[in-house]
Amino acid sequence: MTLAHPRPYQQPRDTHPPLDFAGYKSTGLRAPAQRPIIVPQRLTEVTGPLLVGEIGPNDHDLTRQHEGEPLGQRITVSGRVLDSDGRPVPDTLVEVWQANAAGRYAHERDNWPAPLDPNFSGGGRVVTNSLGEYSFTTIKPGAYPWGNHHNAWRPAHIHFSLFGRAFTQRLVTQMYFPEDPLFAFDPIFRSAPEGARERMVSTFDMDTTQPEWALSYRWDIVLRGREQTPFEEPHE
């Protein structure tokens, strides 16, 4: 029996940022000079990676990974992971990493003069349930300077990494917070086509905000298709 391999997946237009975006200086150093070669998707690419591993008891709660409470506004971020047909993607790994409330990452290469928080490492992971739902408790990250241009500041954001059902659904992206005044000045956010930018912005949700505990934001993630959450760079 011969396996019929699907045609290479073509990314929808007007979804992903270009590899070389004029306002985002480092893309000029890493963007390929020639058009990428499309590799046919065979059985290895269209079957699940099963890269989950053991999830720790506090991996989903970034505020409880140390002895003390981290500083900043406590929030929950939750939503669903969906495929291109709007169906939930269960049992898939969702990983996050972020700066602390002062806008500083717990990383040796981040040395701008904002305080580190000994009670906040900024990394977590969770596996979606049978309905494709995920939820994290964390601290709202702060903005930070990044040296791309004069007076350059990144809007508050959380990095997301997902594997989906197969390697072809691999997604690395950023979630932003609504009505951030830095959107208009950030070339990373603006590198995504205008019609796709709102897919990276979460929604404040008063209904799931926990009284006297945490504000709540919702953000659904779509893997592939016309409504796909924008990738950090195109892969076609």
Protein backbone atom coordinates (compact mmCIF):
# COMPACT_ATOMS: atom_id res chain seq x y z
CA MET A 1 0.00 0.00 0.00
CA THR A 2 1.30 3.46 -0.93
CA LEU A 3 0.68 6.39 1.40
CA ALA A 4 -0.74 9.48 -0.30
CA HIS A 5 1.16 12.46 1.12
CA PRO A 6 -0.70 15.77 1.32
CA ARG A 7 0.40 18.75 -0.75
CA PRO A 8 2.64 21.24 1.07
CA TYR A 9 0.57 23.55 3.23
CA GLN A 10 0.32 27.10 1.88
CA GLN A 11 0.09 29.82 4.49
CA PRO A 12 -2.90 32.18 4.12
CA ARG A 13 -2.02 35.58 2.79
CA ASP A 14 -2.12 38.64 5.06
CA THR A 15 -1.48 36.65 8.22
CA HIS A 16 2.23 36.54 8.98
CA PRO A 17 4.86 39.31 9.11
CA PRO A 18 7.55 39.43 6.40
CA LEU A 19 10.93 37.93 7.14
CA ASP A 20 12.58 41.30 6.49
CA PHE A 21 10.61 44.21 8.00
CA ALA A 22 12.20 47.64 7.59
CA GLY A 23 11.40 48.92 11.09
CA TYR A 24 12.59 45.76 12.88
CA LYS A 25 16.37 46.07 12.49
CA SER A 26 17.52 42.55 13.37
CA THR A 27 15.35 40.98 10.63
CA GLY A 28 17.74 42.51 8.10
CA LEU A 29 20.54 40.42 9.60
CA ARG A 30 18.74 37.06 9.66
CA ALA A 31 16.26 37.17 6.76
CA PRO A 32 17.19 34.73 3.94
CA ALA A 33 18.45 36.27 0.71
CA GLN A 34 16.74 33.60 -1.41
CA ARG A 35 13.24 32.17 -1.38
CA PRO A 36 12.91 29.17 0.99
CA ILE A 37 12.64 25.70 -0.52
CA ILE A 38 9.30 24.00 0.23
CA VAL A 39 9.87 20.50 1.61
CA PRO A 40 7.01 18.02 0.98
CA GLN A 41 5.05 17.07 4.08
CA ARG A 42 5.26 13.33 4.64
CA LEU A 43 4.04 11.08 7.43
CA THR A 44 6.62 12.39 9.92
CA GLU A 45 5.39 15.98 9.54
CA VAL A 46 1.65 15.24 9.74
CA THR A 47 1.70 12.98 12.81
CA GLY A 48 1.80 14.16 16.39
CA PRO A 49 5.15 14.99 18.00
CA LEU A 50 4.08 13.81 21.49
CA LEU A 51 6.52 16.26 23.11
CA VAL A 52 4.76 16.72 26.45
CA GLY A 53 6.81 15.19 29.24
CA GLU A 54 5.92 15.48 32.91
CA ILE A 55 4.05 18.63 33.98
CA GLY A 56 4.88 19.91 37.45
CA PRO A 57 2.14 20.85 39.96
CA ASN A 58 2.89 24.59 39.69
CA ASP A 59 3.94 24.78 36.05
CA HIS A 60 0.61 26.45 35.20
CA ASP A 61 0.84 28.95 38.11
CA LEU A 62 3.87 31.20 37.72
CA THR A 63 3.03 32.94 41.02
CA ARG A 64 3.56 29.78 43.13
CA GLN A 65 6.89 28.52 41.84
CA HIS A 66 8.92 30.11 44.67
CA GLU A 67 8.62 30.54 48.42
CA GLY A 68 7.24 34.09 48.29
CA GLU A 69 4.68 36.00 46.24
CA PRO A 70 5.97 37.82 43.16
CA LEU A 71 5.42 41.56 42.84
CA GLY A 72 2.89 42.97 40.37
CA GLN A 73 -0.69 42.61 39.21
CA ARG A 74 -1.82 38.98 39.42
CA ILE A 75 -3.70 37.83 36.31
CA THR A 76 -5.07 34.68 34.73
CA VAL A 77 -4.74 34.00 31.01
CA SER A 78 -6.99 31.33 29.58
CA GLY A 79 -8.53 30.29 26.30
CA ARG A 80 -8.81 27.50 23.77
CA VAL A 81 -6.45 25.99 21.22
CA LEU A 82 -8.31 25.39 17.94
CA ASP A 83 -7.44 23.89 14.56
CA SER A 84 -8.20 25.45 11.17
CA ASP A 85 -11.78 24.10 11.26
CA GLY A 86 -12.50 25.55 14.71
CA ARG A 87 -12.22 22.19 16.48
CA PRO A 88 -10.52 22.02 19.89
CA VAL A 89 -7.00 20.59 20.05
CA PRO A 90 -6.80 18.46 23.22
CA ASP A 91 -3.70 17.15 25.01
CA THR A 92 -1.31 19.60 23.40
CA LEU A 93 1.56 21.33 25.16
CA VAL A 94 1.34 25.11 25.69
CA GLU A 95 4.47 26.85 27.02
CA VAL A 96 4.87 30.50 28.06
CA TRP A 97 7.71 32.81 29.05
CA GLN A 98 7.66 36.48 29.93
CA ALA A 99 9.28 39.45 31.68
CA ASN A 100 8.38 40.30 35.26
CA ALA A 101 6.23 43.24 36.38
CA ALA A 102 9.20 45.61 35.95
CA GLY A 103 9.76 44.43 32.37
CA ARG A 104 12.87 42.35 33.06
CA TYR A 105 13.49 38.72 32.12
CA ALA A 106 15.18 36.33 34.52
CA HIS A 107 17.98 35.79 32.01
CA GLU A 108 21.69 36.56 32.18
CA ARG A 109 21.58 38.58 28.94
CA ASP A 110 18.85 40.92 30.21
CA ASN A 111 20.80 43.56 32.10
CA TRP A 112 18.82 46.76 31.79
CA PRO A 113 18.42 48.50 35.20
CA ALA A 114 15.02 47.16 36.24
CA PRO A 115 14.74 45.00 39.37
CA LEU A 116 14.74 41.24 39.21
CA ASP A 117 12.08 39.46 41.26
CA PRO A 118 13.48 36.51 43.24
CA ASN A 119 9.96 35.05 43.39
CA PHE A 120 9.29 35.12 39.67
CA SER A 121 11.10 33.10 37.00
CA GLY A 122 8.67 33.87 34.17
CA GLY A 123 8.22 30.41 32.63
CA GLY A 124 5.36 27.92 32.65
CA ARG A 125 3.59 25.18 30.73
CA VAL A 126 0.31 23.32 30.66
CA VAL A 127 -1.44 20.66 28.57
CA THR A 128 -4.85 21.45 27.09
CA ASN A 129 -7.85 19.49 28.37
CA SER A 130 -10.32 17.48 26.29
CA LEU A 131 -12.01 20.73 25.13
CA GLY A 132 -8.73 22.30 24.04
CA GLU A 133 -8.74 24.68 27.03
CA TYR A 134 -5.68 26.02 28.82
CA SER A 135 -5.17 28.39 31.76
CA PHE A 136 -2.19 30.12 33.40
CA THR A 137 -1.93 32.26 36.51
CA THR A 138 0.86 34.80 36.30
CA ILE A 139 1.87 38.44 36.76
CA LYS A 140 1.13 41.06 34.13
CA PRO A 141 4.50 41.79 32.50
CA GLY A 142 5.90 45.29 32.20
CA ALA A 143 7.13 47.09 29.08
CA TYR A 144 10.87 47.24 28.48
CA PRO A 145 13.38 49.02 26.22
CA TRP A 146 15.07 46.97 23.52
CA GLY A 147 17.40 49.22 21.57
CA ASN A 148 15.92 48.72 18.11
CA HIS A 149 15.61 52.48 17.53
CA HIS A 150 15.56 55.70 19.56
CA ASN A 151 13.32 55.36 22.63
CA ALA A 152 12.21 51.86 21.61
CA TRP A 153 9.91 50.05 24.08
CA ARG A 154 8.17 46.70 23.69
CA PRO A 155 4.47 46.56 24.67
CA ALA A 156 3.64 44.20 27.53
CA HIS A 157 3.43 40.68 26.10
CA ILE A 158 3.68 36.96 26.88
CA HIS A 159 5.49 34.54 24.56
CA PHE A 160 3.63 31.35 23.63
CA SER A 161 4.94 28.12 22.14
CA LEU A 162 2.65 25.32 20.89
CA PHE A 163 3.18 22.02 19.09
CA GLY A 164 -0.41 21.23 18.10
CA ARG A 165 -1.28 17.82 16.67
CA ALA A 166 1.67 17.66 14.28
CA PHE A 167 4.96 19.36 13.47
CA THR A 168 3.20 21.33 10.71
CA GLN A 169 1.13 23.09 13.40
CA ARG A 170 4.19 24.36 15.30
CA LEU A 171 3.50 27.90 16.52
CA VAL A 172 5.62 30.46 18.38
CA THR A 173 3.88 33.77 18.92
CA GLN A 174 3.22 36.62 21.36
CA MET A 175 0.05 37.60 23.23
CA TYR A 176 -0.53 41.29 23.91
CA PHE A 177 -2.89 43.17 26.21
CA PRO A 178 -5.75 45.37 24.95
CA GLU A 179 -5.37 49.10 24.22
CA ASP A 180 -1.63 49.25 24.85
CA PRO A 181 -0.37 52.74 23.87
CA LEU A 182 2.91 51.23 22.63
CA PHE A 183 1.27 49.32 19.76
CA ALA A 184 1.67 52.29 17.42
CA PHE A 185 5.43 52.45 18.08
CA ASP A 186 6.38 48.75 18.09
CA PRO A 187 7.71 47.40 14.77
CA ILE A 188 7.37 43.77 15.91
CA PHE A 189 3.63 44.18 16.49
CA ARG A 190 3.25 46.32 13.35
CA SER A 191 5.16 43.83 11.19
CA ALA A 192 2.05 41.60 11.23
CA PRO A 193 -0.50 42.62 8.58
CA GLU A 194 -3.07 45.04 9.95
CA GLY A 195 -5.96 42.59 9.65
CA ALA A 196 -4.11 39.93 11.65
CA ARG A 197 -2.80 42.04 14.53
CA GLU A 198 -5.96 41.80 16.63
CA ARG A 199 -5.54 37.99 16.72
CA MET A 200 -2.50 38.55 18.96
CA VAL A 201 -4.37 40.82 21.42
CA SER A 202 -6.15 39.26 24.41
CA THR A 203 -9.54 40.36 25.74
CA PHE A 204 -10.21 41.49 29.29
CA ASP A 205 -12.87 39.22 30.82
CA MET A 206 -14.75 40.52 33.85
CA ASP A 207 -16.88 37.36 34.05
CA THR A 208 -13.88 35.18 34.89
CA THR A 209 -12.00 37.82 36.92
CA GLN A 210 -11.60 36.44 40.45
CA PRO A 211 -12.78 38.80 43.20
CA GLU A 212 -9.95 40.09 45.39
CA TRP A 213 -7.49 37.82 43.61
CA ALA A 214 -6.75 38.21 39.87
CA LEU A 215 -7.86 40.03 36.73
CA SER A 216 -8.66 37.74 33.82
CA TYR A 217 -7.73 37.82 30.14
CA ARG A 218 -8.92 35.44 27.43
CA TRP A 219 -6.99 34.51 24.31
CA ASP A 220 -7.89 31.78 21.84
CA ILE A 221 -5.11 30.36 19.66
CA VAL A 222 -5.81 29.06 16.14
CA LEU A 223 -3.33 26.68 14.52
CA ARG A 224 -3.23 27.13 10.71
CA GLY A 225 -6.01 28.27 8.41
CA ARG A 226 -7.35 31.69 7.48
CA GLU A 227 -7.92 32.68 11.12
CA GLN A 228 -4.51 31.44 12.30
CA THR A 229 -2.78 33.25 15.12
CA PRO A 230 0.20 34.98 13.44
CA PHE A 231 3.53 33.22 13.65
CA GLU A 232 6.57 35.24 14.72
CA GLU A 233 7.79 34.86 11.14
CA PRO A 234 6.31 33.12 8.05
CA HIS A 235 7.27 29.54 7.25
CA GLU A 236 6.23 28.99 3.65
